[in-house]
Amino acid sequence: MPELKFKVLSIQNVAKNIKFMIMISKILREEKKSSCILIYRMSIYKEYNGGVHLAN
């Protein structure tokens, strides 16, 4: 069933994004650096995952 497969993939993408957001919040708490670094890391993450868009 292709619909089911697509749902599973989208759930995995959401889980990946949540993990990444948690990672970012940890990074920000540990390093307390400017948002420029955050934006830079997010752009690297998007390129690495083939353009997966993070929720705002």
PDB file of N, CA and C in Angstrom:
ATOM      1  N   MET A   1       0.832  -1.214   0.000  1.00  0.00           N
ATOM      2  CA  MET A   1       0.000   0.000   0.000  1.00  0.00           C
ATOM      3  C   MET A   1       0.864   1.261   0.000  1.00  0.00           C
ATOM      4  N   PRO A   2       0.889   2.001  -1.083  1.00  0.00           N
ATOM      5  CA  PRO A   2       1.743   3.196  -1.146  1.00  0.00           C
ATOM      6  C   PRO A   2       1.326   4.291  -0.166  1.00  0.00           C
ATOM      7  N   GLU A   3       0.012   4.410   0.126  1.00  0.00           N
ATOM      8  CA  GLU A   3      -0.439   5.463   1.060  1.00  0.00           C
ATOM      9  C   GLU A   3       0.147   5.219   2.445  1.00  0.00           C
ATOM     10  N   LEU A   4       0.112   3.968   2.864  1.00  0.00           N
ATOM     11  CA  LEU A   4       0.629   3.601   4.189  1.00  0.00           C
ATOM     12  C   LEU A   4       2.119   3.889   4.279  1.00  0.00           C
ATOM     13  N   LYS A   5       2.835   3.517   3.224  1.00  0.00           N
ATOM     14  CA  LYS A   5       4.277   3.765   3.182  1.00  0.00           C
ATOM     15  C   LYS A   5       4.569   5.258   3.304  1.00  0.00           C
ATOM     16  N   PHE A   6       3.792   6.078   2.593  1.00  0.00           N
ATOM     17  CA  PHE A   6       3.981   7.527   2.639  1.00  0.00           C
ATOM     18  C   PHE A   6       3.739   8.060   4.050  1.00  0.00           C
ATOM     19  N   LYS A   7       2.700   7.548   4.713  1.00  0.00           N
ATOM     20  CA  LYS A   7       2.398   7.980   6.084  1.00  0.00           C
ATOM     21  C   LYS A   7       3.548   7.638   7.023  1.00  0.00           C
ATOM     22  N   VAL A   8       4.074   6.447   6.888  1.00  0.00           N
ATOM     23  CA  VAL A   8       5.209   6.028   7.720  1.00  0.00           C
ATOM     24  C   VAL A   8       6.405   6.948   7.487  1.00  0.00           C
ATOM     25  N   LEU A   9       6.698   7.259   6.225  1.00  0.00           N
ATOM     26  CA  LEU A   9       7.819   8.140   5.905  1.00  0.00           C
ATOM     27  C   LEU A   9       7.607   9.532   6.495  1.00  0.00           C
ATOM     28  N   SER A  10       6.381  10.046   6.399  1.00  0.00           N
ATOM     29  CA  SER A  10       6.130  11.393   6.933  1.00  0.00           C
ATOM     30  C   SER A  10       6.252  11.397   8.456  1.00  0.00           C
ATOM     31  N   ILE A  11       5.832  10.319   9.103  1.00  0.00           N
ATOM     32  CA  ILE A  11       5.994  10.208  10.562  1.00  0.00           C
ATOM     33  C   ILE A  11       7.478  10.179  10.922  1.00  0.00           C
ATOM     34  N   GLN A  12       8.257   9.445  10.147  1.00  0.00           N
ATOM     35  CA  GLN A  12       9.703   9.397  10.386  1.00  0.00           C
ATOM     36  C   GLN A  12      10.333  10.769  10.206  1.00  0.00           C
ATOM     37  N   ASN A  13       9.890  11.524   9.200  1.00  0.00           N
ATOM     38  CA  ASN A  13      10.411  12.876   8.982  1.00  0.00           C
ATOM     39  C   ASN A  13      10.081  13.784  10.147  1.00  0.00           C
ATOM     40  N   VAL A  14       8.847  13.690  10.649  1.00  0.00           N
ATOM     41  CA  VAL A  14       8.440  14.502  11.806  1.00  0.00           C
ATOM     42  C   VAL A  14       9.304  14.136  13.011  1.00  0.00           C
ATOM     43  N   ALA A  15       9.506  12.841  13.236  1.00  0.00           N
ATOM     44  CA  ALA A  15      10.336  12.395  14.358  1.00  0.00           C
ATOM     45  C   ALA A  15      11.764  12.921  14.220  1.00  0.00           C
ATOM     46  N   LYS A  16      12.271  12.902  12.999  1.00  0.00           N
ATOM     47  CA  LYS A  16      13.621  13.403  12.723  1.00  0.00           C
ATOM     48  C   LYS A  16      13.705  14.896  13.047  1.00  0.00           C
ATOM     49  N   ASN A  17      12.678  15.641  12.623  1.00  0.00           N
ATOM     50  CA  ASN A  17      12.641  17.077  12.874  1.00  0.00           C
ATOM     51  C   ASN A  17      12.547  17.387  14.362  1.00  0.00           C
ATOM     52  N   ILE A  18      11.726  16.614  15.085  1.00  0.00           N
ATOM     53  CA  ILE A  18      11.589  16.825  16.531  1.00  0.00           C
ATOM     54  C   ILE A  18      12.926  16.563  17.219  1.00  0.00           C
ATOM     55  N   LYS A  19      13.580  15.467  16.842  1.00  0.00           N
ATOM     56  CA  LYS A  19      14.910  15.160  17.401  1.00  0.00           C
ATOM     57  C   LYS A  19      15.870  16.308  17.148  1.00  0.00           C
ATOM     58  N   PHE A  20      15.821  16.855  15.930  1.00  0.00           N
ATOM     59  CA  PHE A  20      16.719  17.941  15.562  1.00  0.00           C
ATOM     60  C   PHE A  20      16.412  19.207  16.359  1.00  0.00           C
ATOM     61  N   MET A  21      15.123  19.503  16.553  1.00  0.00           N
ATOM     62  CA  MET A  21      14.738  20.684  17.330  1.00  0.00           C
ATOM     63  C   MET A  21      15.204  20.542  18.784  1.00  0.00           C
ATOM     64  N   ILE A  22      15.086  19.327  19.325  1.00  0.00           N
ATOM     65  CA  ILE A  22      15.572  19.070  20.692  1.00  0.00           C
ATOM     66  C   ILE A  22      17.082  19.275  20.747  1.00  0.00           C
ATOM     67  N   MET A  23      17.770  18.756  19.732  1.00  0.00           N
ATOM     68  CA  MET A  23      19.218  18.908  19.647  1.00  0.00           C
ATOM     69  C   MET A  23      19.601  20.386  19.608  1.00  0.00           C
ATOM     70  N   ILE A  24      18.877  21.166  18.794  1.00  0.00           N
ATOM     71  CA  ILE A  24      19.148  22.607  18.689  1.00  0.00           C
ATOM     72  C   ILE A  24      18.938  23.295  20.027  1.00  0.00           C
ATOM     73  N   SER A  25      17.859  22.959  20.723  1.00  0.00           N
ATOM     74  CA  SER A  25      17.600  23.621  22.000  1.00  0.00           C
ATOM     75  C   SER A  25      18.704  23.284  23.003  1.00  0.00           C
ATOM     76  N   LYS A  26      19.213  22.046  22.952  1.00  0.00           N
ATOM     77  CA  LYS A  26      20.344  21.666  23.817  1.00  0.00           C
ATOM     78  C   LYS A  26      21.592  22.456  23.445  1.00  0.00           C
ATOM     79  N   ILE A  27      21.851  22.563  22.143  1.00  0.00           N
ATOM     80  CA  ILE A  27      23.014  23.316  21.667  1.00  0.00           C
ATOM     81  C   ILE A  27      22.932  24.763  22.145  1.00  0.00           C
ATOM     82  N   LEU A  28      21.759  25.363  22.005  1.00  0.00           N
ATOM     83  CA  LEU A  28      21.588  26.768  22.394  1.00  0.00           C
ATOM     84  C   LEU A  28      21.771  26.942  23.897  1.00  0.00           C
ATOM     85  N   ARG A  29      21.253  25.987  24.672  1.00  0.00           N
ATOM     86  CA  ARG A  29      21.406  26.078  26.123  1.00  0.00           C
ATOM     87  C   ARG A  29      22.866  25.932  26.528  1.00  0.00           C
ATOM     88  N   GLU A  30      23.563  25.005  25.860  1.00  0.00           N
ATOM     89  CA  GLU A  30      24.965  24.756  26.209  1.00  0.00           C
ATOM     90  C   GLU A  30      25.864  25.904  25.748  1.00  0.00           C
ATOM     91  N   GLU A  31      25.678  26.337  24.531  1.00  0.00           N
ATOM     92  CA  GLU A  31      26.610  27.306  23.948  1.00  0.00           C
ATOM     93  C   GLU A  31      26.172  28.753  24.140  1.00  0.00           C
ATOM     94  N   LYS A  32      24.854  28.979  24.200  1.00  0.00           N
ATOM     95  CA  LYS A  32      24.297  30.339  24.335  1.00  0.00           C
ATOM     96  C   LYS A  32      24.892  31.301  23.301  1.00  0.00           C
ATOM     97  N   LYS A  33      24.826  30.880  22.056  1.00  0.00           N
ATOM     98  CA  LYS A  33      25.373  31.702  20.971  1.00  0.00           C
ATOM     99  C   LYS A  33      24.254  32.349  20.168  1.00  0.00           C
ATOM    100  N   SER A  34      24.632  33.155  19.207  1.00  0.00           N
ATOM    101  CA  SER A  34      23.650  33.926  18.436  1.00  0.00           C
ATOM    102  C   SER A  34      22.816  33.041  17.511  1.00  0.00           C
ATOM    103  N   SER A  35      21.691  33.589  17.060  1.00  0.00           N
ATOM    104  CA  SER A  35      20.785  32.854  16.181  1.00  0.00           C
ATOM    105  C   SER A  35      21.391  32.631  14.793  1.00  0.00           C
ATOM    106  N   CYS A  36      22.451  33.353  14.454  1.00  0.00           N
ATOM    107  CA  CYS A  36      23.120  33.152  13.160  1.00  0.00           C
ATOM    108  C   CYS A  36      23.638  31.720  13.045  1.00  0.00           C
ATOM    109  N   ILE A  37      24.194  31.223  14.123  1.00  0.00           N
ATOM    110  CA  ILE A  37      24.722  29.854  14.138  1.00  0.00           C
ATOM    111  C   ILE A  37      23.570  28.862  13.984  1.00  0.00           C
ATOM    112  N   LEU A  38      22.449  29.153  14.661  1.00  0.00           N
ATOM    113  CA  LEU A  38      21.262  28.304  14.564  1.00  0.00           C
ATOM    114  C   LEU A  38      20.778  28.207  13.118  1.00  0.00           C
ATOM    115  N   ILE A  39      20.668  29.352  12.456  1.00  0.00           N
ATOM    116  CA  ILE A  39      20.213  29.391  11.063  1.00  0.00           C
ATOM    117  C   ILE A  39      21.200  28.633  10.173  1.00  0.00           C
ATOM    118  N   TYR A  40      22.486  28.818  10.423  1.00  0.00           N
ATOM    119  CA  TYR A  40      23.529  28.129   9.656  1.00  0.00           C
ATOM    120  C   TYR A  40      23.399  26.615   9.808  1.00  0.00           C
ATOM    121  N   ARG A  41      23.218  26.164  11.046  1.00  0.00           N
ATOM    122  CA  ARG A  41      23.098  24.719  11.284  1.00  0.00           C
ATOM    123  C   ARG A  41      21.826  24.163  10.678  1.00  0.00           C
ATOM    124  N   MET A  42      20.737  24.940  10.732  1.00  0.00           N
ATOM    125  CA  MET A  42      19.484  24.483  10.140  1.00  0.00           C
ATOM    126  C   MET A  42      19.623  24.338   8.633  1.00  0.00           C
ATOM    127  N   SER A  43      20.349  25.263   7.993  1.00  0.00           N
ATOM    128  CA  SER A  43      20.525  25.173   6.544  1.00  0.00           C
ATOM    129  C   SER A  43      21.372  23.956   6.176  1.00  0.00           C
ATOM    130  N   ILE A  44      22.358  23.639   6.996  1.00  0.00           N
ATOM    131  CA  ILE A  44      23.167  22.432   6.781  1.00  0.00           C
ATOM    132  C   ILE A  44      22.277  21.196   6.924  1.00  0.00           C
ATOM    133  N   TYR A  45      21.441  21.197   7.943  1.00  0.00           N
ATOM    134  CA  TYR A  45      20.537  20.074   8.190  1.00  0.00           C
ATOM    135  C   TYR A  45      19.596  19.863   7.003  1.00  0.00           C
ATOM    136  N   LYS A  46      19.051  20.955   6.478  1.00  0.00           N
ATOM    137  CA  LYS A  46      18.137  20.859   5.336  1.00  0.00           C
ATOM    138  C   LYS A  46      18.850  20.274   4.122  1.00  0.00           C
ATOM    139  N   GLU A  47      20.073  20.737   3.861  1.00  0.00           N
ATOM    140  CA  GLU A  47      20.838  20.214   2.718  1.00  0.00           C
ATOM    141  C   GLU A  47      21.154  18.738   2.928  1.00  0.00           C
ATOM    142  N   TYR A  48      21.536  18.384   4.137  1.00  0.00           N
ATOM    143  CA  TYR A  48      21.913  17.005   4.460  1.00  0.00           C
ATOM    144  C   TYR A  48      20.737  16.054   4.266  1.00  0.00           C
ATOM    145  N   ASN A  49      19.541  16.497   4.613  1.00  0.00           N
ATOM    146  CA  ASN A  49      18.354  15.647   4.495  1.00  0.00           C
ATOM    147  C   ASN A  49      17.594  15.850   3.192  1.00  0.00           C
ATOM    148  N   GLY A  50      18.268  16.385   2.203  1.00  0.00           N
ATOM    149  CA  GLY A  50      17.638  16.546   0.898  1.00  0.00           C
ATOM    150  C   GLY A  50      16.477  17.525   0.912  1.00  0.00           C
ATOM    151  N   GLY A  51      16.622  18.600   1.685  1.00  0.00           N
ATOM    152  CA  GLY A  51      15.611  19.659   1.672  1.00  0.00           C
ATOM    153  C   GLY A  51      14.395  19.381   2.529  1.00  0.00           C
ATOM    154  N   VAL A  52      14.566  18.628   3.613  1.00  0.00           N
ATOM    155  CA  VAL A  52      13.444  18.433   4.548  1.00  0.00           C
ATOM    156  C   VAL A  52      13.188  19.760   5.253  1.00  0.00           C
ATOM    157  N   HIS A  53      11.936  20.221   5.200  1.00  0.00           N
ATOM    158  CA  HIS A  53      11.616  21.520   5.802  1.00  0.00           C
ATOM    159  C   HIS A  53      11.247  21.340   7.267  1.00  0.00           C
ATOM    160  N   LEU A  54      11.838  22.152   8.119  1.00  0.00           N
ATOM    161  CA  LEU A  54      11.524  22.104   9.544  1.00  0.00           C
ATOM    162  C   LEU A  54      10.298  22.962   9.827  1.00  0.00           C
ATOM    163  N   ALA A  55       9.491  22.496  10.763  1.00  0.00           N
ATOM    164  CA  ALA A  55       8.320  23.278  11.175  1.00  0.00           C
ATOM    165  C   ALA A  55       8.782  24.524  11.909  1.00  0.00           C
ATOM    166  N   ASN A  56       8.057  25.609  11.742  1.00  0.00           N
ATOM    167  CA  ASN A  56       8.421  26.877  12.399  1.00  0.00           C
ATOM    168  C   ASN A  56       8.072  26.843  13.882  1.00  0.00           C
TER     169      ASN A  56
END
